[in-house]
Amino acid sequence: MVLKRGRKGELGIEVLPLIELALGDPPDGQTAALLRDRHPETIAAISRALRESLDNISRLQGHQTQYAFEAVTVALGTIRLIKTEDAGLYYFDDAKGKLLPPDFRIVLRDGTVLLVEVKTVPPGMEKKVKVRADDMAAAQAYARMTGGRLLYAHYWAGPKLWTLVDPSRFEKAGAQRRLSISSAMKGNEMVLLGDATLAGTWPLTISILFDPEQEQPATGPDAQEDQRLVAVAGLQLTNAGQVINDPVEKKLAWFLAQYAGWVPEEATHTDGDGRIVRLDYNLAPDGDEEAFGAYTQQGFAFFGALSSLYTRRFLMSTTTENGDITALRQEPSPALMTQLVPDDYWDQGRERVLRLWRFHLQPS
């Protein structure tokens, strides 16, 4: 099964629903002008609204997080469908109170329907996330009416991880419902979307190989005495000192090197004549002496959850190093994470240089 995009939006068509929001109804007693004659008025209203949104960083970050969740869900590749749920108009019978559509509708492989509300938790705000009790009740009512189960997805920007929890995990606090990161981790159901946590041995090393026979002093008017011209001979990946040759392992190792967040330490190697033969970037998990003692005792260290790895990839593609947003979304790579780590990776009789552990975390 391969996830495919249902349709591609066409700007000329997608912009039409905005006209109603931009222009509204004509004043009482006045006849509405032809739409084609209200083009300047429409453009002006949409431009003002767009400027307001572009200047609202929290709004931009909120939408970017929604798109990141969509991309992660598609990349994990274990669902049948994901669709934006809270777009467009709807009408409902309010006899039993209001309804509030969550952000996404997801259909799992077994036919289970999830309705997911996505939220960002900025660094330093991990102690208590707030949701208005009325909003939660309205979202639960919408889920019951449409045959789905309501869940809340949070991206905790500080520790860079996703949780997916049932409303019952929130604590009651008057007119609010509150969630701590510890409660979210205990009740995390990201496993429903195919999430898992990877761990491995260290260091994971990227080596740039040089041909010392071609090394020579730099020349030219701007050349300095200590500068040398070198020739790159190749690139090598190793894990715990062993060279990775298998194509599947190479692709996975390169992905982990880029997005696991392990800390690189540079090391230069030269021959007997002082010529550079190799430049190593040794990546290892961050931590103090006590942490490394624990890693050594258990025999592995964590790379992170698949959802976190893909989110890092997403954010690096849509955000600058200073945190400025360059795009709200990036086209997801369907089932990328399952392709990177195939189920037969651990088949018996196959020796792997890139040794991996995969953990499926269940809610307590």
Protein backbone atom coordinates (compact mmCIF):
# COMPACT_ATOMS: atom_id res chain seq x y z
CA MET A 1 0.00 0.00 0.00
CA VAL A 2 1.32 3.43 -1.01
CA LEU A 3 -0.13 6.71 0.21
CA LYS A 4 -0.84 9.16 -2.60
CA ARG A 5 -1.99 12.74 -2.60
CA GLY A 6 -5.72 12.84 -3.38
CA ARG A 7 -5.69 15.97 -5.48
CA LYS A 8 -3.57 18.98 -6.20
CA GLY A 9 -5.10 22.33 -5.40
CA GLU A 10 -5.46 24.90 -8.16
CA LEU A 11 -5.06 28.47 -6.93
CA GLY A 12 -7.69 29.86 -9.27
CA ILE A 13 -10.28 27.50 -7.79
CA GLU A 14 -9.07 27.36 -4.18
CA VAL A 15 -9.23 31.16 -3.86
CA LEU A 16 -12.95 31.31 -4.70
CA PRO A 17 -14.20 30.37 -1.19
CA LEU A 18 -12.17 33.29 0.15
CA ILE A 19 -14.41 35.76 -1.71
CA GLU A 20 -17.28 35.19 0.72
CA LEU A 21 -15.00 35.87 3.69
CA ALA A 22 -13.39 38.86 2.00
CA LEU A 23 -16.58 40.62 0.88
CA GLY A 24 -19.33 39.39 3.17
CA ASP A 25 -23.01 40.11 2.57
CA PRO A 26 -24.11 43.44 1.06
CA PRO A 27 -25.68 45.99 3.43
CA ASP A 28 -29.44 45.76 3.91
CA GLY A 29 -31.36 47.33 1.08
CA GLN A 30 -28.43 47.33 -1.32
CA THR A 31 -28.06 45.16 -4.38
CA ALA A 32 -24.78 43.28 -4.57
CA ALA A 33 -22.50 44.33 -7.38
CA LEU A 34 -21.21 41.80 -9.86
CA LEU A 35 -18.27 39.84 -8.46
CA ARG A 36 -16.08 40.66 -11.43
CA ASP A 37 -16.54 44.36 -10.67
CA ARG A 38 -15.41 43.88 -7.06
CA HIS A 39 -11.98 42.54 -7.93
CA PRO A 40 -10.02 45.48 -6.37
CA GLU A 41 -12.11 45.31 -3.19
CA THR A 42 -11.55 41.55 -2.92
CA ILE A 43 -7.79 41.85 -3.44
CA ALA A 44 -7.52 44.59 -0.83
CA ALA A 45 -9.42 42.55 1.79
CA ILE A 46 -7.40 39.38 1.15
CA SER A 47 -4.15 41.38 1.19
CA ARG A 48 -4.97 42.91 4.61
CA ALA A 49 -5.83 39.49 6.03
CA LEU A 50 -2.67 37.94 4.59
CA ARG A 51 -0.51 40.72 6.05
CA GLU A 52 -2.11 40.20 9.45
CA SER A 53 -1.38 36.46 9.37
CA LEU A 54 2.19 36.86 8.11
CA ASP A 55 2.90 39.29 10.95
CA ASN A 56 1.46 36.88 13.55
CA ILE A 57 4.35 34.50 14.32
CA SER A 58 2.33 32.32 16.70
CA ARG A 59 -0.31 31.80 14.01
CA LEU A 60 2.36 30.86 11.48
CA GLN A 61 3.99 28.45 13.91
CA GLY A 62 0.63 26.87 14.71
CA HIS A 63 -0.13 26.20 11.05
CA GLN A 64 3.41 24.97 10.42
CA THR A 65 2.99 22.45 13.26
CA GLN A 66 -0.27 21.22 11.73
CA TYR A 67 1.45 20.64 8.40
CA ALA A 68 4.36 18.96 10.20
CA PHE A 69 1.95 16.52 11.85
CA GLU A 70 0.36 15.76 8.48
CA ALA A 71 3.80 15.19 6.93
CA VAL A 72 4.90 12.94 9.80
CA THR A 73 1.72 10.86 9.57
CA VAL A 74 2.18 10.40 5.82
CA ALA A 75 5.90 9.61 6.22
CA LEU A 76 5.20 6.94 8.85
CA GLY A 77 3.05 5.34 6.17
CA THR A 78 0.78 3.04 8.19
CA ILE A 79 -2.58 4.79 7.69
CA ARG A 80 -5.18 4.61 4.93
CA LEU A 81 -6.18 8.28 4.83
CA ILE A 82 -5.51 11.67 6.38
CA LYS A 83 -7.65 14.68 5.53
CA THR A 84 -7.98 18.24 6.82
CA GLU A 85 -11.23 18.28 8.79
CA ASP A 86 -11.65 21.87 9.97
CA ALA A 87 -11.71 23.56 6.54
CA GLY A 88 -14.82 24.90 4.86
CA LEU A 89 -18.33 25.66 6.12
CA TYR A 90 -20.60 23.22 7.93
CA TYR A 91 -24.12 23.25 9.38
CA PHE A 92 -25.28 21.27 12.40
CA ASP A 93 -28.18 20.68 14.76
CA ASP A 94 -27.28 22.57 17.94
CA ALA A 95 -29.95 20.94 20.11
CA LYS A 96 -27.24 19.26 22.19
CA GLY A 97 -24.71 22.08 22.13
CA LYS A 98 -22.00 23.28 19.79
CA LEU A 99 -19.65 21.20 17.65
CA LEU A 100 -16.01 21.93 16.92
CA PRO A 101 -14.19 20.07 14.11
CA PRO A 102 -10.61 19.03 14.99
CA ASP A 103 -7.75 19.61 12.55
CA PHE A 104 -7.53 16.18 10.87
CA ARG A 105 -9.49 13.03 10.14
CA ILE A 106 -7.34 9.88 9.99
CA VAL A 107 -8.44 6.40 8.94
CA LEU A 108 -6.20 3.60 10.20
CA ARG A 109 -5.61 0.35 8.32
CA ASP A 110 -8.19 -1.47 10.45
CA GLY A 111 -10.82 1.16 9.61
CA THR A 112 -10.61 3.00 12.95
CA VAL A 113 -11.36 6.70 12.54
CA LEU A 114 -9.34 9.23 14.53
CA LEU A 115 -10.08 12.94 14.78
CA VAL A 116 -6.93 14.78 15.79
CA GLU A 117 -6.48 18.30 17.14
CA VAL A 118 -2.86 19.48 16.75
CA LYS A 119 -1.12 21.95 19.05
CA THR A 120 2.37 23.36 19.57
CA VAL A 121 3.98 23.56 23.00
CA PRO A 122 6.76 26.20 23.01
CA PRO A 123 9.94 25.58 25.04
CA GLY A 124 9.42 26.28 28.73
CA MET A 125 5.67 25.60 28.59
CA GLU A 126 5.83 21.84 29.22
CA LYS A 127 4.33 21.85 32.71
CA LYS A 128 0.70 22.54 31.87
CA VAL A 129 -0.92 22.76 28.45
CA LYS A 130 -4.36 24.36 28.55
CA VAL A 131 -7.51 23.58 26.56
CA ARG A 132 -10.84 25.18 27.28
CA ALA A 133 -13.28 22.62 28.65
CA ASP A 134 -16.06 23.90 26.36
CA ASP A 135 -13.85 23.47 23.29
CA MET A 136 -12.91 19.94 24.29
CA ALA A 137 -16.57 19.04 24.87
CA ALA A 138 -17.50 20.48 21.47
CA ALA A 139 -14.72 18.52 19.75
CA GLN A 140 -15.80 15.33 21.53
CA ALA A 141 -19.39 15.94 20.41
CA TYR A 142 -18.21 16.36 16.81
CA ALA A 143 -16.25 13.11 17.08
CA ARG A 144 -19.28 11.22 18.39
CA MET A 145 -21.53 12.63 15.67
CA THR A 146 -19.10 11.75 12.86
CA GLY A 147 -18.08 8.32 14.15
CA GLY A 148 -14.51 9.03 15.20
CA ARG A 149 -12.34 9.04 18.30
CA LEU A 150 -10.91 12.39 19.43
CA LEU A 151 -7.19 12.62 20.20
CA TYR A 152 -4.86 15.54 20.88
CA ALA A 153 -1.46 15.70 19.19
CA HIS A 154 1.16 17.96 20.78
CA TYR A 155 4.55 18.86 19.42
CA TRP A 156 6.75 19.65 22.43
CA ALA A 157 9.24 22.01 20.79
CA GLY A 158 11.73 21.92 23.67
CA PRO A 159 12.45 18.15 23.76
CA LYS A 160 11.38 17.92 20.07
CA LEU A 161 8.87 15.10 20.40
CA TRP A 162 5.27 14.26 19.53
CA THR A 163 2.59 12.87 21.79
CA LEU A 164 -0.92 11.72 20.88
CA VAL A 165 -3.30 11.44 23.82
CA ASP A 166 -6.92 10.79 24.68
CA PRO A 167 -8.88 13.65 26.30
CA SER A 168 -9.10 11.55 29.47
CA ARG A 169 -5.38 12.22 30.03
CA PHE A 170 -6.12 15.89 30.72
CA GLU A 171 -6.69 17.06 34.29
CA LYS A 172 -9.83 19.00 35.16
CA ALA A 173 -9.12 22.57 36.30
CA GLY A 174 -12.35 24.54 36.44
CA ALA A 175 -13.16 25.85 32.96
CA GLN A 176 -9.94 24.37 31.61
CA ARG A 177 -8.40 21.00 30.92
CA ARG A 178 -4.65 20.75 31.52
CA LEU A 179 -1.96 18.35 30.36
CA SER A 180 1.63 18.00 31.57
CA ILE A 181 4.39 16.51 29.46
CA SER A 182 4.76 13.63 31.92
CA SER A 183 1.06 12.74 31.58
CA ALA A 184 1.31 13.09 27.80
CA MET A 185 4.30 10.73 27.66
CA LYS A 186 2.55 8.14 29.83
CA GLY A 187 -0.53 8.24 27.62
CA ASN A 188 1.26 8.64 24.28
CA GLU A 189 -0.50 6.74 21.46
CA MET A 190 1.72 7.75 18.52
CA VAL A 191 2.20 4.01 18.02
CA LEU A 192 -1.25 4.05 16.38
CA LEU A 193 0.31 5.99 13.49
CA GLY A 194 3.28 3.62 13.20
CA ASP A 195 5.72 5.59 15.34
CA ALA A 196 8.64 3.83 17.00
CA THR A 197 11.87 4.83 18.72
CA LEU A 198 15.28 3.88 17.30
CA ALA A 199 18.50 3.30 19.19
CA GLY A 200 21.98 2.26 18.12
CA THR A 201 25.68 2.14 18.90
CA TRP A 202 28.13 4.99 18.60
CA PRO A 203 30.04 6.70 17.19
CA LEU A 204 28.27 7.06 13.86
CA THR A 205 31.04 8.53 11.72
CA ILE A 206 31.07 10.44 8.45
CA SER A 207 34.58 10.34 6.95
CA ILE A 208 35.81 12.48 4.07
CA LEU A 209 38.68 10.63 2.39
CA PHE A 210 41.57 12.45 0.67
CA ASP A 211 44.31 11.42 -1.77
CA PRO A 212 47.58 12.51 -0.10
CA GLU A 213 49.50 12.05 -3.35
CA GLN A 214 47.60 14.99 -4.85
CA GLU A 215 48.08 17.34 -1.90
CA GLN A 216 50.16 20.42 -2.71
CA PRO A 217 50.78 23.96 -1.45
CA ALA A 218 48.15 26.53 -2.37
CA THR A 219 49.12 28.94 -5.13
CA GLY A 220 47.92 32.34 -6.29
CA PRO A 221 48.17 35.92 -5.07
CA ASP A 222 45.83 35.33 -2.10
CA ALA A 223 47.38 32.02 -1.01
CA GLN A 224 48.74 31.83 2.52
CA GLU A 225 51.74 29.83 3.68
CA ASP A 226 49.73 27.34 5.78
CA GLN A 227 47.11 26.65 3.07
CA ARG A 228 47.12 23.39 1.09
CA LEU A 229 45.22 22.12 -1.94
CA VAL A 230 43.72 18.67 -1.31
CA ALA A 231 41.80 16.19 -3.47
CA VAL A 232 38.71 14.46 -2.10
CA ALA A 233 38.84 10.74 -2.84
CA GLY A 234 35.51 9.64 -1.40
CA LEU A 235 33.03 9.50 1.47
CA GLN A 236 32.76 6.72 4.04
CA LEU A 237 30.22 5.88 6.73
CA THR A 238 31.16 3.79 9.74
CA ASN A 239 29.38 2.66 12.88
CA ALA A 240 31.41 1.85 15.99
CA GLY A 241 34.52 1.66 13.77
CA GLN A 242 33.06 -0.72 11.14
CA VAL A 243 32.59 0.42 7.53
CA ILE A 244 28.98 0.46 6.29
CA ASN A 245 28.72 -0.98 2.76
CA ASP A 246 25.13 -2.21 2.54
CA PRO A 247 22.97 0.27 0.52
CA VAL A 248 20.03 0.05 2.95
CA GLU A 249 22.28 0.69 5.93
CA LYS A 250 24.08 3.53 4.15
CA LYS A 251 20.84 5.35 3.39
CA LEU A 252 19.59 4.93 6.94
CA ALA A 253 22.93 5.93 8.48
CA TRP A 254 23.05 9.13 6.43
CA PHE A 255 19.48 9.99 7.49
CA LEU A 256 20.32 9.40 11.16
CA ALA A 257 23.52 11.42 10.88
CA GLN A 258 21.57 14.40 9.58
CA TYR A 259 18.46 14.31 11.76
CA ALA A 260 19.10 12.39 15.00
CA GLY A 261 20.67 15.40 16.69
CA TRP A 262 23.80 13.55 17.81
CA VAL A 263 26.75 15.86 18.47
CA PRO A 264 29.66 15.78 15.96
CA GLU A 265 33.30 15.82 17.03
CA GLU A 266 35.87 16.55 14.32
CA ALA A 267 39.10 14.54 14.02
CA THR A 268 41.81 14.93 11.33
CA HIS A 269 44.10 12.05 10.34
CA THR A 270 47.41 12.48 8.50
CA ASP A 271 50.10 10.20 7.09
CA GLY A 272 53.76 10.05 8.10
CA ASP A 273 54.52 13.11 5.93
CA GLY A 274 51.80 15.21 7.57
CA ARG A 275 49.45 14.97 4.59
CA ILE A 276 45.73 14.73 5.37
CA VAL A 277 44.21 11.36 4.56
CA ARG A 278 40.86 11.51 6.39
CA LEU A 279 38.58 13.97 8.12
CA ASP A 280 36.15 12.35 10.55
CA TYR A 281 32.93 13.69 12.02
CA ASN A 282 32.23 11.36 14.93
CA LEU A 283 28.59 11.66 16.02
CA ALA A 284 27.61 10.57 19.50
CA PRO A 285 24.61 11.20 21.77
CA ASP A 286 24.72 14.29 23.93
CA GLY A 287 25.14 13.72 27.64
CA ASP A 288 27.37 13.87 30.68
CA GLU A 289 29.61 11.15 32.11
CA GLU A 290 26.73 9.57 34.01
CA ALA A 291 24.60 9.38 30.86
CA PHE A 292 27.40 7.75 28.88
CA GLY A 293 27.87 5.27 31.69
CA ALA A 294 24.21 4.29 31.28
CA TYR A 295 24.59 4.07 27.49
CA THR A 296 27.62 1.81 27.88
CA GLN A 297 25.85 -0.44 30.38
CA GLN A 298 22.78 -0.95 28.19
CA GLY A 299 24.81 -1.17 24.97
CA PHE A 300 22.98 1.47 22.94
CA ALA A 301 21.86 5.10 22.89
CA PHE A 302 18.66 6.58 21.50
CA PHE A 303 18.48 8.27 18.10
CA GLY A 304 14.90 9.34 18.81
CA ALA A 305 11.38 8.60 17.64
CA LEU A 306 10.73 8.26 13.90
CA SER A 307 8.26 11.13 14.22
CA SER A 308 10.92 13.36 15.80
CA LEU A 309 13.49 12.49 13.13
CA TYR A 310 11.11 13.36 10.31
CA THR A 311 9.97 16.54 12.05
CA ARG A 312 13.60 17.70 12.27
CA ARG A 313 13.85 17.10 8.51
CA PHE A 314 10.62 19.03 7.94
CA LEU A 315 11.68 21.99 10.07
CA MET A 316 15.15 22.18 8.52
CA SER A 317 13.42 22.47 5.13
CA THR A 318 10.92 25.14 6.19
CA THR A 319 12.79 27.18 8.81
CA THR A 320 16.06 29.13 8.84
CA GLU A 321 18.81 28.58 11.42
CA ASN A 322 17.48 31.65 13.24
CA GLY A 323 13.99 30.15 13.47
CA ASP A 324 12.38 32.28 10.76
CA ILE A 325 9.72 30.48 8.73
CA THR A 326 10.34 30.16 4.99
CA ALA A 327 7.37 27.87 4.25
CA LEU A 328 4.39 26.47 6.13
CA ARG A 329 4.49 23.05 4.56
CA GLN A 330 6.66 20.70 2.56
CA GLU A 331 5.23 17.93 0.40
CA PRO A 332 5.41 14.77 2.56
CA SER A 333 7.44 11.72 1.52
CA PRO A 334 4.91 8.86 1.73
CA ALA A 335 6.07 5.92 3.88
CA LEU A 336 9.65 7.24 3.94
CA MET A 337 10.27 6.02 7.48
CA THR A 338 9.09 2.47 6.78
CA GLN A 339 11.27 2.40 3.66
CA LEU A 340 14.29 3.58 5.64
CA VAL A 341 13.76 0.94 8.32
CA PRO A 342 12.12 -2.08 6.63
CA ASP A 343 10.60 -4.80 8.80
CA ASP A 344 13.16 -7.34 7.51
CA TYR A 345 16.05 -5.24 8.85
CA TRP A 346 16.36 -7.64 11.79
CA ASP A 347 15.97 -10.91 9.88
CA GLN A 348 17.91 -13.74 11.46
CA GLY A 349 21.14 -14.69 9.75
CA ARG A 350 21.79 -11.16 8.50
CA GLU A 351 24.69 -9.38 10.16
CA ARG A 352 24.23 -5.63 10.29
CA VAL A 353 27.07 -3.14 10.72
CA LEU A 354 24.54 -0.47 11.64
CA ARG A 355 23.07 -2.23 14.64
CA LEU A 356 19.63 -0.92 15.58
CA TRP A 357 17.07 -1.38 18.32
CA ARG A 358 13.43 -0.47 17.63
CA PHE A 359 11.04 0.23 20.50
CA HIS A 360 7.25 0.44 20.16
CA LEU A 361 6.08 2.49 23.15
CA GLN A 362 2.58 1.72 24.43
CA PRO A 363 0.52 4.04 26.68
CA SER A 364 0.48 3.06 30.35
